[in-house]
Amino acid sequence: MIVLGIESTAHTFGIGIVRDGKIIANVKNTYITQSGGIIPKEAAKHHHEVKEQIYSDALNKAGIEDSKSEDLGQSKSYKKLFDEKDIDAIAFSQGPGLAPCLLEGLKFAKELAGRLKKPVVPVNHCISHLEIGKITGAKNSVMLYASGANTQIIAYSANRYRIFGETLDLGVGNFIDTFARFLGLGFPGGPAVQKLAEQGNRYIELPYVVKGMDISLSGILTNLKNKIEKMNKLPAHSHSQINEKLLNKNFLTNNSKKSQTSDSERDKYTLADLAYSMQETVFAMLIETAERALAHTGKKELLLGGGVACNTRLQEMAKIMCEERGAKLFCPTNEFLTDNGGMIAYTGEILFNNGDYIKFEDIEKLDIAPRQRTDQVEIKYK
């Protein structure tokens, strides 16, 4: 059994290949910018430009003969174990995600399915983050899913992955990327913000907004924006001016003698302190709601998923919480936390084996689902 998976929900175009439950290839390329956030049309253009090369690289890594390899000028000197015709199904991320990006994945899935005469498996992106967690040994977990547009506390119950808590406004990844943009950093901003936070050593009080099982981030973002503007005496459109100096700790120290701002705290903290305080506050909110879900469901496993879960401080806080309540923490490697084709292929194989696929003769009926929620998908294979 060989299933190929295509991931294209947002900034990443990836292709993964699974053989009998084992991921044998996982190749991707990510759209990045030097400033600003993700531009959907530009990201989709990126996906269109890299898809053939990513596909070829994935086949090569999996040991599959690409019928187009000669056209691409690639060597055939390496040993091939399979041919393209041995692929049993094409899985793709149907949603949720950015429509222009999702369409690129759908078009490529249709192209491959039509050429290879293979069925297509639509996969919910969020559920694939859950299913790939099984490679860690997790069996019956509450999942803290923290990614760009999605922030959810999820657990399985009665043929659905139920959402026990979520963000009321921004996804935590988008929140961090916007915070990074205020600081003049590029996209994605998560790694740079984490690096900056590691330089901070003073906690600055920020709004802490947990409402039952849900969280809200927009008020915290506004608070941070106001603090940054006061500290640097720069209008919002000028934040890019601090890009080159931002990670220089000497620059991060405030000079109160030069300050004309009325913010009495300006001489007491740095931008690094703000990044540190942001992480401590927002991650504590996530861990609180995750712990409450563990208590509510009675489950003893917490699974981390999504790109934000790559943050080592979030992992550390989750580990402490789980140890204190006698639960086990499971966390895939960064390769499978961030968006990737491997998780789409892995989930696609599960669905295909359950008969949940579209015959290639009917692929024109397929469409994307940009707003598809995790709990809208009926789970027939459990």
Foldseek 3Di string as FASTA:
>chain_A
DKEKFFEFFFFKTWIWIDDPLRTQFWFIDGDKDQADEGDLVVSLVVCLVCVVVRVVVRCVSNQEDDPCCVVVVHDPPDHHDYYLLPHAEYEYAQDAHRASRRVSRLVVRLVSCVVSQHWYFYDHQVVLQVLVLCVQVDDWAFEQEAAFAWGFTWGDDDQATDTPETEPDGGVQVLQCVLQNQQQGMPPRLVVLLLLLVPWDDADDFDAADDQLYGYCPRRSVVSSVLSCQLVVDPSVPNNVCHVVSSPVVVQQGDVVPHPGPPPCSNPGGVSNVSNNVCVRVLVSSLVSNLVVCVVVVAQEYEYAYQSVQRVVSVVVNVVSSVVVVHYYGYDHNSSRYDIRNSRRSVSVLCVVVVRTGRSVPSVVDHHDNPDDRRVDGRPRD
